C-alpha atoms as a PDB file:
ATOM      1  CA  UNK A   1      -4.384 -13.960  -7.058  1.00  0.00           C
ATOM      2  CA  UNK A   2      -3.785 -12.337  -9.936  1.00  0.00           C
ATOM      3  CA  UNK A   3       0.320 -11.016  -9.053  1.00  0.00           C
ATOM      4  CA  UNK A   4      -0.694  -7.400 -10.286  1.00  0.00           C
ATOM      5  CA  UNK A   5      -3.934  -7.232  -8.144  1.00  0.00           C
ATOM      6  CA  UNK A   6      -3.980  -6.086  -4.666  1.00  0.00           C
ATOM      7  CA  UNK A   7      -7.956  -5.726  -4.533  1.00  0.00           C
ATOM      8  CA  UNK A   8      -8.096  -9.253  -3.076  1.00  0.00           C
ATOM      9  CA  UNK A   9      -5.670  -7.927  -0.100  1.00  0.00           C
ATOM     10  CA  UNK A  10      -7.319  -5.616   0.597  1.00  0.00           C
ATOM     11  CA  UNK A  11     -11.047  -5.993  -0.404  1.00  0.00           C
ATOM     12  CA  UNK A  12     -13.043  -2.664   1.492  1.00  0.00           C
ATOM     13  CA  UNK A  13     -10.147  -2.253   3.996  1.00  0.00           C
ATOM     14  CA  UNK A  14      -9.307   1.206   4.288  1.00  0.00           C
ATOM     15  CA  UNK A  15      -6.605   0.978   6.812  1.00  0.00           C
ATOM     16  CA  UNK A  16      -2.848  -1.301   7.057  1.00  0.00           C
ATOM     17  CA  UNK A  17      -0.969  -1.534  10.255  1.00  0.00           C
ATOM     18  CA  UNK A  18       2.907  -1.520   9.813  1.00  0.00           C
ATOM     19  CA  UNK A  19       4.575  -3.464  12.394  1.00  0.00           C
ATOM     20  CA  UNK A  20       8.628  -2.017  12.627  1.00  0.00           C
ATOM     21  CA  UNK A  21      11.590  -3.541  14.127  1.00  0.00           C
ATOM     22  CA  UNK A  22       9.534  -6.129  17.192  1.00  0.00           C
ATOM     23  CA  UNK A  23      10.470  -9.157  18.269  1.00  0.00           C
ATOM     24  CA  UNK A  24       8.421 -12.004  17.063  1.00  0.00           C
ATOM     25  CA  UNK A  25       5.897 -11.932  20.175  1.00  0.00           C
ATOM     26  CA  UNK A  26       5.709  -8.211  20.737  1.00  0.00           C
ATOM     27  CA  UNK A  27       4.809  -8.329  16.884  1.00  0.00           C
ATOM     28  CA  UNK A  28       2.100 -10.769  17.009  1.00  0.00           C
ATOM     29  CA  UNK A  29       0.243  -9.210  20.108  1.00  0.00           C
ATOM     30  CA  UNK A  30      -0.133  -5.993  17.931  1.00  0.00           C
ATOM     31  CA  UNK A  31      -0.315  -7.924  15.324  1.00  0.00           C
ATOM     32  CA  UNK A  32      -3.718  -9.118  17.312  1.00  0.00           C
ATOM     33  CA  UNK A  33      -4.533  -5.732  18.581  1.00  0.00           C
ATOM     34  CA  UNK A  34      -4.521  -4.735  15.399  1.00  0.00           C
ATOM     35  CA  UNK A  35      -7.100  -7.641  13.968  1.00  0.00           C
ATOM     36  CA  UNK A  36      -9.022  -7.484  17.713  1.00  0.00           C
ATOM     37  CA  UNK A  37     -10.459  -3.736  16.164  1.00  0.00           C
ATOM     38  CA  UNK A  38     -10.951  -4.600  12.336  1.00  0.00           C
ATOM     39  CA  UNK A  39      -8.286  -3.254  10.843  1.00  0.00           C
ATOM     40  CA  UNK A  40      -7.652  -6.757   8.873  1.00  0.00           C
ATOM     41  CA  UNK A  41      -3.960  -6.710   6.546  1.00  0.00           C
ATOM     42  CA  UNK A  42      -1.113  -6.224   8.433  1.00  0.00           C
ATOM     43  CA  UNK A  43       2.519  -5.319   6.795  1.00  0.00           C
ATOM     44  CA  UNK A  44       5.553  -6.517   8.513  1.00  0.00           C
ATOM     45  CA  UNK A  45       9.282  -4.696   7.531  1.00  0.00           C
ATOM     46  CA  UNK A  46      12.351  -7.547   6.692  1.00  0.00           C
ATOM     47  CA  UNK A  47      15.031  -4.980   6.829  1.00  0.00           C
ATOM     48  CA  UNK A  48      16.951  -7.458   8.511  1.00  0.00           C
ATOM     49  CA  UNK A  49      17.298 -11.000   8.827  1.00  0.00           C
ATOM     50  CA  UNK A  50      15.704 -11.389  12.638  1.00  0.00           C
ATOM     51  CA  UNK A  51      12.441  -9.427  10.861  1.00  0.00           C
ATOM     52  CA  UNK A  52      12.080 -12.824   9.205  1.00  0.00           C
ATOM     53  CA  UNK A  53      11.407 -14.116  12.233  1.00  0.00           C
ATOM     54  CA  UNK A  54       8.687 -11.704  13.333  1.00  0.00           C
ATOM     55  CA  UNK A  55       6.894 -12.227   9.688  1.00  0.00           C
ATOM     56  CA  UNK A  56       6.772 -15.827  10.083  1.00  0.00           C
ATOM     57  CA  UNK A  57       5.196 -15.961  13.111  1.00  0.00           C
ATOM     58  CA  UNK A  58       2.866 -13.227  12.045  1.00  0.00           C
ATOM     59  CA  UNK A  59       1.580 -15.117   8.847  1.00  0.00           C
ATOM     60  CA  UNK A  60       1.594 -17.704  11.681  1.00  0.00           C
ATOM     61  CA  UNK A  61      -0.545 -16.227  14.055  1.00  0.00           C
ATOM     62  CA  UNK A  62      -2.796 -14.457  10.211  1.00  0.00           C
ATOM     63  CA  UNK A  63      -3.433 -18.412   9.453  1.00  0.00           C
ATOM     64  CA  UNK A  64      -5.069 -18.784  13.338  1.00  0.00           C
ATOM     65  CA  UNK A  65      -7.113 -15.960  12.142  1.00  0.00           C
ATOM     66  CA  UNK A  66      -8.008 -15.710   8.308  1.00  0.00           C
ATOM     67  CA  UNK A  67      -5.832 -12.786   7.787  1.00  0.00           C
ATOM     68  CA  UNK A  68      -2.967 -11.604   5.028  1.00  0.00           C
ATOM     69  CA  UNK A  69       0.266 -10.630   5.767  1.00  0.00           C
ATOM     70  CA  UNK A  70       2.792  -9.042   3.826  1.00  0.00           C
ATOM     71  CA  UNK A  71       6.316  -8.400   3.874  1.00  0.00           C
ATOM     72  CA  UNK A  72       7.455  -4.696   3.766  1.00  0.00           C
ATOM     73  CA  UNK A  73      10.897  -3.154   2.759  1.00  0.00           C
ATOM     74  CA  UNK A  74      10.900  -5.354   0.019  1.00  0.00           C
ATOM     75  CA  UNK A  75      14.265  -4.166  -1.710  1.00  0.00           C
ATOM     76  CA  UNK A  76      15.752  -7.286  -3.509  1.00  0.00           C
ATOM     77  CA  UNK A  77      14.274 -10.596  -5.347  1.00  0.00           C
ATOM     78  CA  UNK A  78      16.786 -12.193  -2.607  1.00  0.00           C
ATOM     79  CA  UNK A  79      14.070 -10.459  -0.126  1.00  0.00           C
ATOM     80  CA  UNK A  80      11.225 -11.331  -2.425  1.00  0.00           C
ATOM     81  CA  UNK A  81      12.195 -15.081  -2.099  1.00  0.00           C
ATOM     82  CA  UNK A  82      12.831 -15.024   1.872  1.00  0.00           C
ATOM     83  CA  UNK A  83       8.980 -12.959   2.339  1.00  0.00           C
ATOM     84  CA  UNK A  84       7.434 -15.901  -0.256  1.00  0.00           C
ATOM     85  CA  UNK A  85       9.962 -18.343   1.827  1.00  0.00           C
ATOM     86  CA  UNK A  86       7.642 -16.738   5.557  1.00  0.00           C
ATOM     87  CA  UNK A  87       4.293 -17.098   3.743  1.00  0.00           C
ATOM     88  CA  UNK A  88       3.807 -13.595   3.248  1.00  0.00           C
ATOM     89  CA  UNK A  89       0.574 -12.949   0.941  1.00  0.00           C
ATOM     90  CA  UNK A  90       2.111  -9.512  -0.414  1.00  0.00           C
ATOM     91  CA  UNK A  91       5.627  -7.611  -0.195  1.00  0.00           C
ATOM     92  CA  UNK A  92       5.606  -3.566  -0.208  1.00  0.00           C
ATOM     93  CA  UNK A  93       8.922  -1.534  -1.106  1.00  0.00           C
ATOM     94  CA  UNK A  94       9.759   2.201  -0.318  1.00  0.00           C
ATOM     95  CA  UNK A  95      10.851   2.774  -4.242  1.00  0.00           C
ATOM     96  CA  UNK A  96      10.127   1.626  -7.571  1.00  0.00           C
ATOM     97  CA  UNK A  97      11.574  -1.869  -9.045  1.00  0.00           C
ATOM     98  CA  UNK A  98      10.468  -3.310 -11.709  1.00  0.00           C
ATOM     99  CA  UNK A  99      13.061  -6.340 -11.222  1.00  0.00           C
ATOM    100  CA  UNK A 100      11.622  -7.014  -7.997  1.00  0.00           C
ATOM    101  CA  UNK A 101       8.322  -6.445  -9.085  1.00  0.00           C
ATOM    102  CA  UNK A 102       8.325  -8.724 -10.666  1.00  0.00           C
ATOM    103  CA  UNK A 103      10.211 -10.969  -8.582  1.00  0.00           C
ATOM    104  CA  UNK A 104       7.510 -11.089  -6.615  1.00  0.00           C
ATOM    105  CA  UNK A 105       5.258 -11.901  -9.333  1.00  0.00           C
ATOM    106  CA  UNK A 106       7.073 -15.013 -10.263  1.00  0.00           C
ATOM    107  CA  UNK A 107       6.204 -15.712  -6.856  1.00  0.00           C
ATOM    108  CA  UNK A 108       2.412 -14.852  -7.536  1.00  0.00           C
ATOM    109  CA  UNK A 109       2.362 -12.445  -4.604  1.00  0.00           C
ATOM    110  CA  UNK A 110       0.771  -8.801  -5.501  1.00  0.00           C
ATOM    111  CA  UNK A 111       3.888  -6.723  -4.997  1.00  0.00           C
ATOM    112  CA  UNK A 112       3.324  -2.264  -3.377  1.00  0.00           C
ATOM    113  CA  UNK A 113       6.569  -0.220  -5.565  1.00  0.00           C
ATOM    114  CA  UNK A 114       6.520   2.828  -3.665  1.00  0.00           C
ATOM    115  CA  UNK A 115       6.589   5.749  -5.866  1.00  0.00           C
ATOM    116  CA  UNK A 116       6.695   9.553  -5.470  1.00  0.00           C
ATOM    117  CA  UNK A 117       6.650  11.585  -8.501  1.00  0.00           C
ATOM    118  CA  UNK A 118       3.513  11.220 -11.913  1.00  0.00           C
ATOM    119  CA  UNK A 119       6.794   9.512 -13.485  1.00  0.00           C
ATOM    120  CA  UNK A 120       6.959   6.403 -11.206  1.00  0.00           C
ATOM    121  CA  UNK A 121       3.413   6.244 -11.055  1.00  0.00           C
ATOM    122  CA  UNK A 122       2.973   5.714 -14.415  1.00  0.00           C
ATOM    123  CA  UNK A 123       6.305   3.795 -15.529  1.00  0.00           C
ATOM    124  CA  UNK A 124       4.206   1.397 -12.601  1.00  0.00           C
ATOM    125  CA  UNK A 125       1.066   1.657 -13.992  1.00  0.00           C
ATOM    126  CA  UNK A 126       2.597   0.734 -17.696  1.00  0.00           C
ATOM    127  CA  UNK A 127       4.466  -1.716 -16.112  1.00  0.00           C
ATOM    128  CA  UNK A 128       0.916  -3.562 -15.036  1.00  0.00           C
ATOM    129  CA  UNK A 129       1.258  -1.888 -10.885  1.00  0.00           C
ATOM    130  CA  UNK A 130      -2.184  -0.215 -10.202  1.00  0.00           C
ATOM    131  CA  UNK A 131      -1.703  -0.542  -6.779  1.00  0.00           C
ATOM    132  CA  UNK A 132       1.106   1.605  -5.573  1.00  0.00           C
ATOM    133  CA  UNK A 133       1.796   2.877  -2.076  1.00  0.00           C
ATOM    134  CA  UNK A 134       2.677   6.608  -2.128  1.00  0.00           C
ATOM    135  CA  UNK A 135       6.205   7.153   0.536  1.00  0.00           C
ATOM    136  CA  UNK A 136       6.590   9.149   2.003  1.00  0.00           C
ATOM    137  CA  UNK A 137       2.968  10.897   1.775  1.00  0.00           C
ATOM    138  CA  UNK A 138       3.313  12.704   4.534  1.00  0.00           C
ATOM    139  CA  UNK A 139       5.921  15.101   2.579  1.00  0.00           C
ATOM    140  CA  UNK A 140       3.863  14.928  -0.756  1.00  0.00           C
ATOM    141  CA  UNK A 141       0.634  15.931   1.390  1.00  0.00           C
ATOM    142  CA  UNK A 142      -3.132  15.494   0.288  1.00  0.00           C
ATOM    143  CA  UNK A 143      -2.922  17.347  -2.970  1.00  0.00           C
ATOM    144  CA  UNK A 144      -0.523  15.229  -4.384  1.00  0.00           C
ATOM    145  CA  UNK A 145      -3.297  12.901  -4.125  1.00  0.00           C
ATOM    146  CA  UNK A 146      -5.856  15.460  -5.576  1.00  0.00           C
ATOM    147  CA  UNK A 147      -3.252  16.188  -8.604  1.00  0.00           C
ATOM    148  CA  UNK A 148      -2.655  12.489 -10.191  1.00  0.00           C
ATOM    149  CA  UNK A 149      -6.025  11.550  -8.973  1.00  0.00           C
ATOM    150  CA  UNK A 150      -6.887  13.425 -12.768  1.00  0.00           C
ATOM    151  CA  UNK A 151      -3.889  12.399 -15.374  1.00  0.00           C
ATOM    152  CA  UNK A 152      -3.520   8.871 -13.656  1.00  0.00           C
ATOM    153  CA  UNK A 153      -6.978   7.755 -12.687  1.00  0.00           C
ATOM    154  CA  UNK A 154      -6.116   4.349 -12.540  1.00  0.00           C
ATOM    155  CA  UNK A 155      -3.414   4.318 -10.065  1.00  0.00           C
ATOM    156  CA  UNK A 156      -4.842   2.791  -6.835  1.00  0.00           C
ATOM    157  CA  UNK A 157      -2.798   4.588  -4.330  1.00  0.00           C
ATOM    158  CA  UNK A 158      -1.599   3.525  -0.360  1.00  0.00           C
ATOM    159  CA  UNK A 159      -0.670   6.166   1.547  1.00  0.00           C
ATOM    160  CA  UNK A 160       2.410   5.350   4.267  1.00  0.00           C
ATOM    161  CA  UNK A 161       4.833   7.302   6.470  1.00  0.00           C
ATOM    162  CA  UNK A 162       3.906   9.574   8.365  1.00  0.00           C
ATOM    163  CA  UNK A 163       0.292   8.821   9.106  1.00  0.00           C
ATOM    164  CA  UNK A 164      -1.907   8.953  12.397  1.00  0.00           C
ATOM    165  CA  UNK A 165      -5.510   9.069  13.368  1.00  0.00           C
ATOM    166  CA  UNK A 166      -4.704  12.777  13.670  1.00  0.00           C
ATOM    167  CA  UNK A 167      -4.497  12.832   9.673  1.00  0.00           C
ATOM    168  CA  UNK A 168      -5.558   9.651   7.680  1.00  0.00           C
ATOM    169  CA  UNK A 169      -8.724  10.872   7.015  1.00  0.00           C
ATOM    170  CA  UNK A 170      -7.181  14.132   4.774  1.00  0.00           C
ATOM    171  CA  UNK A 171      -5.726  11.143   2.478  1.00  0.00           C
ATOM    172  CA  UNK A 172      -8.493   9.100   2.549  1.00  0.00           C
ATOM    173  CA  UNK A 173     -10.753  11.987   1.291  1.00  0.00           C
ATOM    174  CA  UNK A 174      -7.963  13.151  -0.921  1.00  0.00           C
ATOM    175  CA  UNK A 175      -8.495  10.178  -3.330  1.00  0.00           C
ATOM    176  CA  UNK A 176      -5.652   7.169  -1.100  1.00  0.00           C
ATOM    177  CA  UNK A 177      -7.460   4.329  -0.903  1.00  0.00           C
ATOM    178  CA  UNK A 178      -5.799   2.743   1.840  1.00  0.00           C
ATOM    179  CA  UNK A 179      -3.731   4.424   4.880  1.00  0.00           C
ATOM    180  CA  UNK A 180      -0.277   2.519   6.552  1.00  0.00           C
ATOM    181  CA  UNK A 181      -0.667   3.282   9.983  1.00  0.00           C
ATOM    182  CA  UNK A 182       3.060   1.882  11.860  1.00  0.00           C
ATOM    183  CA  UNK A 183       3.495   3.498  15.493  1.00  0.00           C
ATOM    184  CA  UNK A 184       0.170   5.049  15.421  1.00  0.00           C
ATOM    185  CA  UNK A 185      -1.191   0.877  17.199  1.00  0.00           C
ATOM    186  CA  UNK A 186       0.830   1.873  19.989  1.00  0.00           C
ATOM    187  CA  UNK A 187      -1.053   4.736  20.339  1.00  0.00           C
ATOM    188  CA  UNK A 188      -4.599   4.321  22.882  1.00  0.00           C
ATOM    189  CA  UNK A 189      -5.675   6.865  22.661  1.00  0.00           C
ATOM    190  CA  UNK A 190      -5.170   6.660  18.989  1.00  0.00           C
ATOM    191  CA  UNK A 191      -6.931   2.700  18.685  1.00  0.00           C
ATOM    192  CA  UNK A 192     -10.493   3.410  18.745  1.00  0.00           C
ATOM    193  CA  UNK A 193     -10.256   6.280  16.062  1.00  0.00           C
ATOM    194  CA  UNK A 194      -8.140   4.047  14.269  1.00  0.00           C
ATOM    195  CA  UNK A 195     -10.764   1.199  14.580  1.00  0.00           C
ATOM    196  CA  UNK A 196     -13.781   3.454  13.038  1.00  0.00           C
ATOM    197  CA  UNK A 197     -11.699   4.690  10.687  1.00  0.00           C
ATOM    198  CA  UNK A 198     -10.825   0.468   9.696  1.00  0.00           C
ATOM    199  CA  UNK A 199     -14.925   0.001  10.257  1.00  0.00           C
ATOM    200  CA  UNK A 200     -15.675   3.178   7.727  1.00  0.00           C
ATOM    201  CA  UNK A 201     -16.896   5.531   9.624  1.00  0.00           C
ATOM    202  CA  UNK A 202     -16.770   8.941   9.193  1.00  0.00           C
END
């Protein structure tokens, strides 16, 4: 897998689920729920040592179903090493740190850096990072994605932060390639709508 390329991770996916601060068994249960409804890509943030155990459990579950699981909130090269050791298929960061990106690339893992300004997006693109996490998306708003499509048409944005079934389509319509949802998966009301979104039903 090309270290800079997220296309093999996402493929046609339009939705990624983030499972944060949950015990390993609950992480696996919700990951299975996501896969059952057609959301194939799962991110498990690793802010704490316990979270690495949850990541490892989700990775193992994903392997049984041929699904990819990545590590989120990866802020240091040491965390990249932890993520790689747990079998993460990709890493995600809240901000742009090129040393962290390079560490992920050294393990052959694609890295999704967080950006919130045109300057950060341009720096990431100049470093060969085409897929970018726009965070916090709900604060940036859909108009931000439309605005950046003009000067930075090669950028592929994953809208993250405050996204749920109620606003996800607005961000996709504005140009985001993927939307990342967190607690929305625990809301039974949202699951059918997220499944429809994942299936490309508008």
